[in-house]
Amino acid sequence: MPYYTFKRSGKNRYLVLRWKKRIGGIPTVVKEVSVGTAANLAEILENGINDIVLKSYTAGSTLSVLYMDKKIGLRDTVNRIIGHKGNGMSPGDYMLLFVMNRLSDPCSKNSMEKWMNRDYASIIFPKASSQDFWNVMDRFSDKDMKDIQDSIRDK
C-alpha cells in the first residue's frame, strides 16, 4: 500500500510516495517515487499544471487480443506457417495488429499507422508502419490462411 513521507536531500525537503512490502518478515521499501518539494507542490495547487501534454489511448480491445493470443497462440502459429526472418516484427505480430484494428476501429491498410497513434497497440508495437503492414500481409497466400485456420481449429 503506498503512503506519503518526507525526505531530505541537502537543504531540500521533498515529498515521496513509497510502497512497502514484507520481505522475510521485515518491512522493506520496494518502490519510491518523488512527488516534489513543498514549494513545487504549492505552485501546482495554486496555479494548476499548464505544460503537461496528456495522450489517452484506447486499450480494451488491444489487451483482449493479447489475452486471446496467450490462450490460442495465434502469433506463434502464424510465425510457424509464414516464417519469420530477421529481428523486426514478425508476421504473427502484424496479424495481431490486424485483429486489434478490426476489433477496435477498422480501417484500411493505408490508415493503420494513423489508427495506431490513437491505440495502445502503438506502445506494444512502436516500430510498425503502414508500408511494413502491406509488405508482410502480401506474403500471406490463401493456402497459408487455410493452414493457419486449420492449426488453430485443431488446438
C-alpha atoms as a PDB file:
ATOM      1  CA  MET A   1       0.000   0.000   0.000  1.00  0.00           C
ATOM      2  CA  PRO A   2       1.518   3.387  -0.932  1.00  0.00           C
ATOM      3  CA  TYR A   3       1.992   6.178   1.579  1.00  0.00           C
ATOM      4  CA  TYR A   4       3.489   9.684   1.588  1.00  0.00           C
ATOM      5  CA  THR A   5       6.562  10.665   3.564  1.00  0.00           C
ATOM      6  CA  PHE A   6       9.132  13.457   3.506  1.00  0.00           C
ATOM      7  CA  LYS A   7      12.773  13.002   2.593  1.00  0.00           C
ATOM      8  CA  ARG A   8      15.762  15.324   2.806  1.00  0.00           C
ATOM      9  CA  SER A   9      18.428  15.938   0.213  1.00  0.00           C
ATOM     10  CA  GLY A  10      20.856  18.583   1.400  1.00  0.00           C
ATOM     11  CA  LYS A  11      18.737  21.564   2.435  1.00  0.00           C
ATOM     12  CA  ASN A  12      15.741  20.470   0.381  1.00  0.00           C
ATOM     13  CA  ARG A  13      12.851  18.589   1.889  1.00  0.00           C
ATOM     14  CA  TYR A  14      10.590  16.827  -0.576  1.00  0.00           C
ATOM     15  CA  LEU A  15       7.606  14.540  -0.582  1.00  0.00           C
ATOM     16  CA  VAL A  16       7.922  10.943  -1.794  1.00  0.00           C
ATOM     17  CA  LEU A  17       5.395   8.214  -2.383  1.00  0.00           C
ATOM     18  CA  ARG A  18       6.597   4.856  -1.044  1.00  0.00           C
ATOM     19  CA  TRP A  19       5.435   1.296  -1.317  1.00  0.00           C
ATOM     20  CA  LYS A  20       6.466  -1.160   1.387  1.00  0.00           C
ATOM     21  CA  LYS A  21       6.284  -4.912   1.383  1.00  0.00           C
ATOM     22  CA  ARG A  22       7.295  -7.505   3.955  1.00  0.00           C
ATOM     23  CA  ILE A  23      10.310  -9.415   2.709  1.00  0.00           C
ATOM     24  CA  GLY A  24      11.446 -12.158   5.049  1.00  0.00           C
ATOM     25  CA  GLY A  25       9.163 -10.677   7.718  1.00  0.00           C
ATOM     26  CA  ILE A  26      10.873  -7.252   7.537  1.00  0.00           C
ATOM     27  CA  PRO A  27       9.020  -4.194   6.126  1.00  0.00           C
ATOM     28  CA  THR A  28      11.108  -3.069   3.123  1.00  0.00           C
ATOM     29  CA  VAL A  29      10.652  -0.154   0.699  1.00  0.00           C
ATOM     30  CA  VAL A  30      10.156  -1.758  -2.718  1.00  0.00           C
ATOM     31  CA  LYS A  31       9.358   1.381  -4.725  1.00  0.00           C
ATOM     32  CA  GLU A  32       9.781   5.106  -4.203  1.00  0.00           C
ATOM     33  CA  VAL A  33       8.603   7.986  -6.409  1.00  0.00           C
ATOM     34  CA  SER A  34       9.500  11.629  -5.785  1.00  0.00           C
ATOM     35  CA  VAL A  35       6.428  13.869  -5.729  1.00  0.00           C
ATOM     36  CA  GLY A  36       8.382  17.122  -5.331  1.00  0.00           C
ATOM     37  CA  THR A  37       9.281  19.862  -2.899  1.00  0.00           C
ATOM     38  CA  ALA A  38       6.650  21.680  -0.857  1.00  0.00           C
ATOM     39  CA  ALA A  39       7.206  24.818  -2.979  1.00  0.00           C
ATOM     40  CA  ASN A  40       6.649  22.892  -6.223  1.00  0.00           C
ATOM     41  CA  LEU A  41       3.509  21.257  -4.861  1.00  0.00           C
ATOM     42  CA  ALA A  42       2.133  24.587  -3.605  1.00  0.00           C
ATOM     43  CA  GLU A  43       2.727  26.177  -7.022  1.00  0.00           C
ATOM     44  CA  ILE A  44       0.930  23.327  -8.772  1.00  0.00           C
ATOM     45  CA  LEU A  45      -2.030  23.547  -6.386  1.00  0.00           C
ATOM     46  CA  GLU A  46      -2.301  27.336  -6.720  1.00  0.00           C
ATOM     47  CA  ASN A  47      -1.640  27.733 -10.449  1.00  0.00           C
ATOM     48  CA  GLY A  48      -2.505  24.354 -11.892  1.00  0.00           C
ATOM     49  CA  ILE A  49      -0.402  22.412 -14.342  1.00  0.00           C
ATOM     50  CA  ASN A  50      -0.121  24.038 -17.754  1.00  0.00           C
ATOM     51  CA  ASP A  51       2.778  22.349 -19.526  1.00  0.00           C
ATOM     52  CA  ILE A  52       1.592  18.763 -19.403  1.00  0.00           C
ATOM     53  CA  VAL A  53       0.810  17.013 -22.672  1.00  0.00           C
ATOM     54  CA  LEU A  54      -1.519  14.130 -21.963  1.00  0.00           C
ATOM     55  CA  LYS A  55      -2.381  11.473 -24.509  1.00  0.00           C
ATOM     56  CA  SER A  56      -5.092   8.901 -23.948  1.00  0.00           C
ATOM     57  CA  TYR A  57      -5.094   5.563 -25.739  1.00  0.00           C
ATOM     58  CA  THR A  58      -7.870   3.048 -26.224  1.00  0.00           C
ATOM     59  CA  ALA A  59      -6.695  -0.236 -24.773  1.00  0.00           C
ATOM     60  CA  GLY A  60      -9.551  -2.659 -24.092  1.00  0.00           C
ATOM     61  CA  SER A  61      -9.784  -4.458 -27.417  1.00  0.00           C
ATOM     62  CA  THR A  62      -5.996  -4.431 -27.842  1.00  0.00           C
ATOM     63  CA  LEU A  63      -5.472  -6.081 -24.474  1.00  0.00           C
ATOM     64  CA  SER A  64      -8.220  -8.613 -25.165  1.00  0.00           C
ATOM     65  CA  VAL A  65      -6.406  -9.641 -28.380  1.00  0.00           C
ATOM     66  CA  LEU A  66      -3.189 -10.165 -26.410  1.00  0.00           C
ATOM     67  CA  TYR A  67      -5.122 -12.310 -23.926  1.00  0.00           C
ATOM     68  CA  MET A  68      -6.640 -14.309 -26.795  1.00  0.00           C
ATOM     69  CA  ASP A  69      -3.153 -14.789 -28.256  1.00  0.00           C
ATOM     70  CA  LYS A  70      -1.962 -16.242 -24.942  1.00  0.00           C
ATOM     71  CA  LYS A  71      -4.842 -18.707 -24.978  1.00  0.00           C
ATOM     72  CA  ILE A  72      -4.708 -19.921 -28.605  1.00  0.00           C
ATOM     73  CA  GLY A  73      -1.178 -18.999 -29.736  1.00  0.00           C
ATOM     74  CA  LEU A  74      -2.136 -17.075 -32.885  1.00  0.00           C
ATOM     75  CA  ARG A  75       1.203 -15.268 -33.186  1.00  0.00           C
ATOM     76  CA  ASP A  76       3.257 -18.464 -32.864  1.00  0.00           C
ATOM     77  CA  THR A  77       1.020 -20.319 -35.319  1.00  0.00           C
ATOM     78  CA  VAL A  78       1.332 -17.576 -37.946  1.00  0.00           C
ATOM     79  CA  ASN A  79       5.104 -17.347 -37.476  1.00  0.00           C
ATOM     80  CA  ARG A  80       5.463 -21.113 -37.829  1.00  0.00           C
ATOM     81  CA  ILE A  81       3.457 -21.237 -41.072  1.00  0.00           C
ATOM     82  CA  ILE A  82       4.596 -17.992 -42.734  1.00  0.00           C
ATOM     83  CA  GLY A  83       8.138 -17.978 -41.354  1.00  0.00           C
ATOM     84  CA  HIS A  84       9.987 -15.085 -39.762  1.00  0.00           C
ATOM     85  CA  LYS A  85      13.353 -13.766 -40.868  1.00  0.00           C
ATOM     86  CA  GLY A  86      15.281 -11.028 -39.109  1.00  0.00           C
ATOM     87  CA  ASN A  87      14.885  -9.183 -35.842  1.00  0.00           C
ATOM     88  CA  GLY A  88      11.936  -6.925 -36.656  1.00  0.00           C
ATOM     89  CA  MET A  89       8.254  -7.510 -36.144  1.00  0.00           C
ATOM     90  CA  SER A  90       7.091 -10.939 -37.224  1.00  0.00           C
ATOM     91  CA  PRO A  91       4.132 -11.844 -39.459  1.00  0.00           C
ATOM     92  CA  GLY A  92       2.403 -13.025 -36.275  1.00  0.00           C
ATOM     93  CA  ASP A  93       2.833  -9.556 -34.752  1.00  0.00           C
ATOM     94  CA  TYR A  94       1.252  -7.981 -37.826  1.00  0.00           C
ATOM     95  CA  MET A  95      -1.600 -10.493 -37.696  1.00  0.00           C
ATOM     96  CA  LEU A  96      -2.256  -9.453 -34.082  1.00  0.00           C
ATOM     97  CA  LEU A  97      -2.243  -5.803 -35.179  1.00  0.00           C
ATOM     98  CA  PHE A  98      -4.744  -6.640 -37.901  1.00  0.00           C
ATOM     99  CA  VAL A  99      -7.080  -8.329 -35.401  1.00  0.00           C
ATOM    100  CA  MET A 100      -6.659  -5.455 -32.895  1.00  0.00           C
ATOM    101  CA  ASN A 101      -7.596  -2.955 -35.585  1.00  0.00           C
ATOM    102  CA  ARG A 102     -10.614  -4.924 -36.775  1.00  0.00           C
ATOM    103  CA  LEU A 103     -11.970  -5.155 -33.231  1.00  0.00           C
ATOM    104  CA  SER A 104     -11.408  -1.547 -32.172  1.00  0.00           C
ATOM    105  CA  ASP A 105     -11.604   0.806 -35.171  1.00  0.00           C
ATOM    106  CA  PRO A 106     -11.490  -0.950 -38.566  1.00  0.00           C
ATOM    107  CA  CYS A 107      -9.582   0.973 -41.216  1.00  0.00           C
ATOM    108  CA  SER A 108      -7.721   0.387 -44.463  1.00  0.00           C
ATOM    109  CA  LYS A 109      -4.141  -0.861 -44.584  1.00  0.00           C
ATOM    110  CA  ASN A 110      -3.100   2.688 -45.549  1.00  0.00           C
ATOM    111  CA  SER A 111      -4.626   4.073 -42.350  1.00  0.00           C
ATOM    112  CA  MET A 112      -3.083   1.549 -39.949  1.00  0.00           C
ATOM    113  CA  GLU A 113      -0.373   3.956 -38.799  1.00  0.00           C
ATOM    114  CA  LYS A 114      -2.919   6.699 -38.050  1.00  0.00           C
ATOM    115  CA  TRP A 115      -5.047   4.224 -36.090  1.00  0.00           C
ATOM    116  CA  MET A 116      -2.018   3.034 -34.114  1.00  0.00           C
ATOM    117  CA  ASN A 117      -1.252   6.591 -32.985  1.00  0.00           C
ATOM    118  CA  ARG A 118      -4.567   6.531 -31.100  1.00  0.00           C
ATOM    119  CA  ASP A 119      -4.392   2.995 -29.763  1.00  0.00           C
ATOM    120  CA  TYR A 120      -2.421   1.177 -27.073  1.00  0.00           C
ATOM    121  CA  ALA A 121      -1.052  -1.062 -29.844  1.00  0.00           C
ATOM    122  CA  SER A 122       1.477   1.692 -30.644  1.00  0.00           C
ATOM    123  CA  ILE A 123       3.082   1.128 -27.235  1.00  0.00           C
ATOM    124  CA  ILE A 124       3.320  -2.635 -27.756  1.00  0.00           C
ATOM    125  CA  PHE A 125       4.477  -2.408 -31.396  1.00  0.00           C
ATOM    126  CA  PRO A 126       6.177   1.012 -31.727  1.00  0.00           C
ATOM    127  CA  LYS A 127       8.035   0.189 -34.957  1.00  0.00           C
ATOM    128  CA  ALA A 128       5.037  -0.796 -37.102  1.00  0.00           C
ATOM    129  CA  SER A 129       4.187   1.276 -40.168  1.00  0.00           C
ATOM    130  CA  SER A 130       1.506   1.062 -42.846  1.00  0.00           C
ATOM    131  CA  GLN A 131       4.059   0.109 -45.509  1.00  0.00           C
ATOM    132  CA  ASP A 132       5.511  -2.674 -43.358  1.00  0.00           C
ATOM    133  CA  PHE A 133       1.978  -3.922 -42.770  1.00  0.00           C
ATOM    134  CA  TRP A 134       1.393  -4.058 -46.551  1.00  0.00           C
ATOM    135  CA  ASN A 135       4.702  -5.847 -47.160  1.00  0.00           C
ATOM    136  CA  VAL A 136       4.090  -8.550 -44.559  1.00  0.00           C
ATOM    137  CA  MET A 137       0.421  -9.126 -45.305  1.00  0.00           C
ATOM    138  CA  ASP A 138       1.228  -9.604 -49.022  1.00  0.00           C
ATOM    139  CA  ARG A 139       3.233 -12.702 -48.009  1.00  0.00           C
ATOM    140  CA  PHE A 140       0.055 -14.485 -46.861  1.00  0.00           C
ATOM    141  CA  SER A 141      -1.321 -16.853 -49.503  1.00  0.00           C
ATOM    142  CA  ASP A 142      -4.758 -18.467 -49.464  1.00  0.00           C
ATOM    143  CA  LYS A 143      -3.104 -21.787 -48.590  1.00  0.00           C
ATOM    144  CA  ASP A 144      -1.258 -20.138 -45.662  1.00  0.00           C
ATOM    145  CA  MET A 145      -4.523 -18.699 -44.335  1.00  0.00           C
ATOM    146  CA  LYS A 146      -6.183 -22.118 -44.596  1.00  0.00           C
ATOM    147  CA  ASP A 147      -3.235 -23.737 -42.772  1.00  0.00           C
ATOM    148  CA  ILE A 148      -3.438 -21.104 -40.004  1.00  0.00           C
ATOM    149  CA  GLN A 149      -7.190 -21.644 -39.608  1.00  0.00           C
ATOM    150  CA  ASP A 150      -6.793 -25.424 -39.519  1.00  0.00           C
ATOM    151  CA  SER A 151      -3.957 -25.250 -36.999  1.00  0.00           C
ATOM    152  CA  ILE A 152      -5.908 -23.003 -34.621  1.00  0.00           C
ATOM    153  CA  ARG A 153      -9.089 -25.072 -35.030  1.00  0.00           C
ATOM    154  CA  ASP A 154      -7.199 -28.278 -34.191  1.00  0.00           C
ATOM    155  CA  LYS A 155      -5.739 -26.954 -30.912  1.00  0.00           C
END
